[in-house]
Amino acid sequence: MAIKQLTVYVQNKKGSMAALTDVLAKNGVNIRALSIAETEDFGLLRIIVNDETAATKILEENGYLIKVIDVVGVKIGDKPGALTAALSVLDKADVNVEYLYAFMARTEKHAYVVLRVEDNAKAEAVLEGSGLHLITSADICKL
């Protein structure tokens, strides 16, 4: 059930993000979620898109360095404490969360959380086992 995340290295200079998002838009790729961490020289852009295969091809053709990894997506209630509950499930199962970011769905009163964990299969099993709903690539495409 893993979701594909693209990690893209982007130069930390004026216009770099606009150029990247423009090339995706011109090719019909829609960004569903993103997170960026910057250093002095480059940004580390993590994105979830509606078409990972097309996005990877387009960005590579345009000279971007990309890494595609599997991440776990979980749907949580949009209320205080919902994220803590999901993270506690993973903590109790001894699954380390390396990083996370969240985004809101357009039509539902839920937040979607993308988690990079050390063991996707274990994380998925314990999250589902605790009654949380995982999100899939198909769910991302519907947003």
Protein backbone atom coordinates (compact mmCIF):
# COMPACT_ATOMS: atom_id res chain seq x y z
CA MET A 1 0.00 0.00 0.00
CA ALA A 2 3.00 2.31 -0.05
CA ILE A 3 2.83 5.71 -1.71
CA LYS A 4 5.65 6.80 -4.00
CA GLN A 5 7.41 9.97 -2.90
CA LEU A 6 9.77 11.86 -5.16
CA THR A 7 12.72 13.51 -3.48
CA VAL A 8 14.15 16.17 -5.79
CA TYR A 9 17.31 18.18 -5.29
CA VAL A 10 16.64 21.82 -6.24
CA GLN A 11 19.17 24.64 -6.40
CA ASN A 12 18.63 27.22 -3.68
CA LYS A 13 18.37 30.20 -6.01
CA LYS A 14 15.69 32.53 -7.27
CA GLY A 15 13.28 30.90 -9.71
CA SER A 16 14.31 27.28 -9.13
CA MET A 17 11.05 26.17 -7.53
CA ALA A 18 8.97 28.01 -10.11
CA ALA A 19 10.88 26.30 -12.92
CA LEU A 20 10.37 22.87 -11.38
CA THR A 21 6.67 23.32 -10.71
CA ASP A 22 6.20 24.85 -14.16
CA VAL A 23 7.70 21.84 -15.96
CA LEU A 24 5.41 19.54 -13.99
CA ALA A 25 2.33 21.67 -14.67
CA LYS A 26 3.05 21.93 -18.39
CA ASN A 27 3.12 18.13 -18.50
CA GLY A 28 -0.11 17.60 -16.57
CA VAL A 29 1.47 16.46 -13.32
CA ASN A 30 -0.38 17.69 -10.24
CA ILE A 31 1.41 18.06 -6.91
CA ARG A 32 -0.74 16.68 -4.09
CA ALA A 33 1.62 17.30 -1.17
CA LEU A 34 5.07 18.73 -0.66
CA SER A 35 7.69 19.47 1.90
CA ILE A 36 10.99 21.26 1.42
CA ALA A 37 14.06 21.54 3.60
CA GLU A 38 16.77 23.92 2.56
CA THR A 39 20.48 24.27 2.95
CA GLU A 40 22.63 27.13 1.78
CA ASP A 41 23.13 25.60 -1.69
CA PHE A 42 20.11 23.41 -2.41
CA GLY A 43 16.66 22.40 -1.29
CA LEU A 44 15.46 18.89 -0.67
CA LEU A 45 11.95 18.81 -2.11
CA ARG A 46 9.70 15.90 -1.20
CA ILE A 47 6.56 15.63 -3.30
CA ILE A 48 3.58 13.36 -3.74
CA VAL A 49 2.10 13.68 -7.23
CA ASN A 50 -0.81 12.25 -9.17
CA ASP A 51 1.52 10.44 -11.61
CA GLU A 52 4.88 9.44 -10.16
CA THR A 53 6.11 7.72 -13.32
CA ALA A 54 5.45 10.73 -15.55
CA ALA A 55 6.86 13.17 -13.00
CA THR A 56 10.06 11.17 -12.62
CA LYS A 57 10.59 10.96 -16.38
CA ILE A 58 9.86 14.66 -16.94
CA LEU A 59 12.10 15.86 -14.14
CA GLU A 60 14.98 13.57 -15.11
CA GLU A 61 14.69 14.78 -18.73
CA ASN A 62 15.02 18.32 -17.38
CA GLY A 63 18.20 17.56 -15.45
CA TYR A 64 16.85 17.10 -11.93
CA LEU A 65 18.36 14.56 -9.57
CA ILE A 66 15.51 12.44 -8.17
CA LYS A 67 15.10 9.59 -5.75
CA VAL A 68 11.80 7.68 -5.55
CA ILE A 69 11.02 6.04 -2.23
CA ASP A 70 8.07 4.32 -0.62
CA VAL A 71 6.36 6.15 2.22
CA VAL A 72 3.31 5.35 4.32
CA GLY A 73 0.19 7.50 4.18
CA VAL A 74 -2.41 7.50 6.92
CA LYS A 75 -5.72 9.34 7.21
CA ILE A 76 -6.34 10.90 10.60
CA GLY A 77 -9.19 12.94 12.01
CA ASP A 78 -8.86 16.71 11.77
CA LYS A 79 -8.88 17.28 15.52
CA PRO A 80 -6.39 17.87 18.32
CA GLY A 81 -4.60 14.71 19.38
CA ALA A 82 -5.25 12.69 16.20
CA LEU A 83 -1.63 12.89 15.07
CA THR A 84 -0.40 11.97 18.54
CA ALA A 85 -2.63 8.89 18.51
CA ALA A 86 -1.22 7.71 15.18
CA LEU A 87 2.36 8.37 16.23
CA SER A 88 1.79 6.58 19.54
CA VAL A 89 0.69 3.45 17.66
CA LEU A 90 3.99 3.44 15.80
CA ASP A 91 5.99 4.22 18.93
CA LYS A 92 4.40 1.34 20.83
CA ALA A 93 5.25 -0.98 17.91
CA ASP A 94 8.86 0.27 18.00
CA VAL A 95 8.66 1.84 14.51
CA ASN A 96 10.87 4.90 14.12
CA VAL A 97 9.44 7.88 12.21
CA GLU A 98 12.25 9.54 10.26
CA TYR A 99 10.12 12.50 9.12
CA LEU A 100 6.53 13.37 8.29
CA TYR A 101 4.40 16.04 6.70
CA ALA A 102 0.66 16.48 6.39
CA PHE A 103 -1.90 17.91 4.01
CA MET A 104 -5.65 18.40 4.07
CA ALA A 105 -8.04 16.65 1.71
CA ARG A 106 -10.38 18.87 -0.30
CA THR A 107 -13.63 17.06 0.37
CA GLU A 108 -13.16 15.29 3.67
CA LYS A 109 -12.63 16.50 7.19
CA HIS A 110 -9.44 14.52 7.51
CA ALA A 111 -5.78 15.25 7.31
CA TYR A 112 -3.50 12.96 5.37
CA VAL A 113 -0.11 12.33 6.91
CA VAL A 114 2.89 11.06 4.93
CA LEU A 115 5.38 9.15 7.06
CA ARG A 116 8.88 8.02 6.25
CA VAL A 117 9.50 5.14 8.63
CA GLU A 118 12.17 2.51 9.00
CA ASP A 119 9.77 -0.36 8.29
CA ASN A 120 6.82 0.36 5.97
CA ALA A 121 5.21 -3.07 6.27
CA LYS A 122 5.26 -3.02 10.06
CA ALA A 123 3.99 0.56 10.19
CA GLU A 124 1.13 -0.24 7.83
CA ALA A 125 0.16 -3.33 9.82
CA VAL A 126 0.11 -1.60 13.20
CA LEU A 127 -1.68 1.50 11.90
CA GLU A 128 -4.39 -0.59 10.24
CA GLY A 129 -4.56 -2.85 13.26
CA SER A 130 -5.30 0.15 15.46
CA GLY A 131 -8.23 1.18 13.26
CA LEU A 132 -6.50 3.90 11.26
CA HIS A 133 -7.05 4.01 7.51
CA LEU A 134 -4.07 3.97 5.18
CA ILE A 135 -4.10 6.04 2.03
CA THR A 136 -3.00 4.61 -1.27
CA SER A 137 -1.71 5.93 -4.55
CA ALA A 138 -5.27 5.58 -5.86
CA ASP A 139 -6.48 7.89 -3.06
CA ILE A 140 -3.84 10.44 -4.03
CA CYS A 141 -5.01 10.36 -7.65
CA LYS A 142 -8.58 11.14 -6.54
CA LEU A 143 -7.59 14.33 -4.71
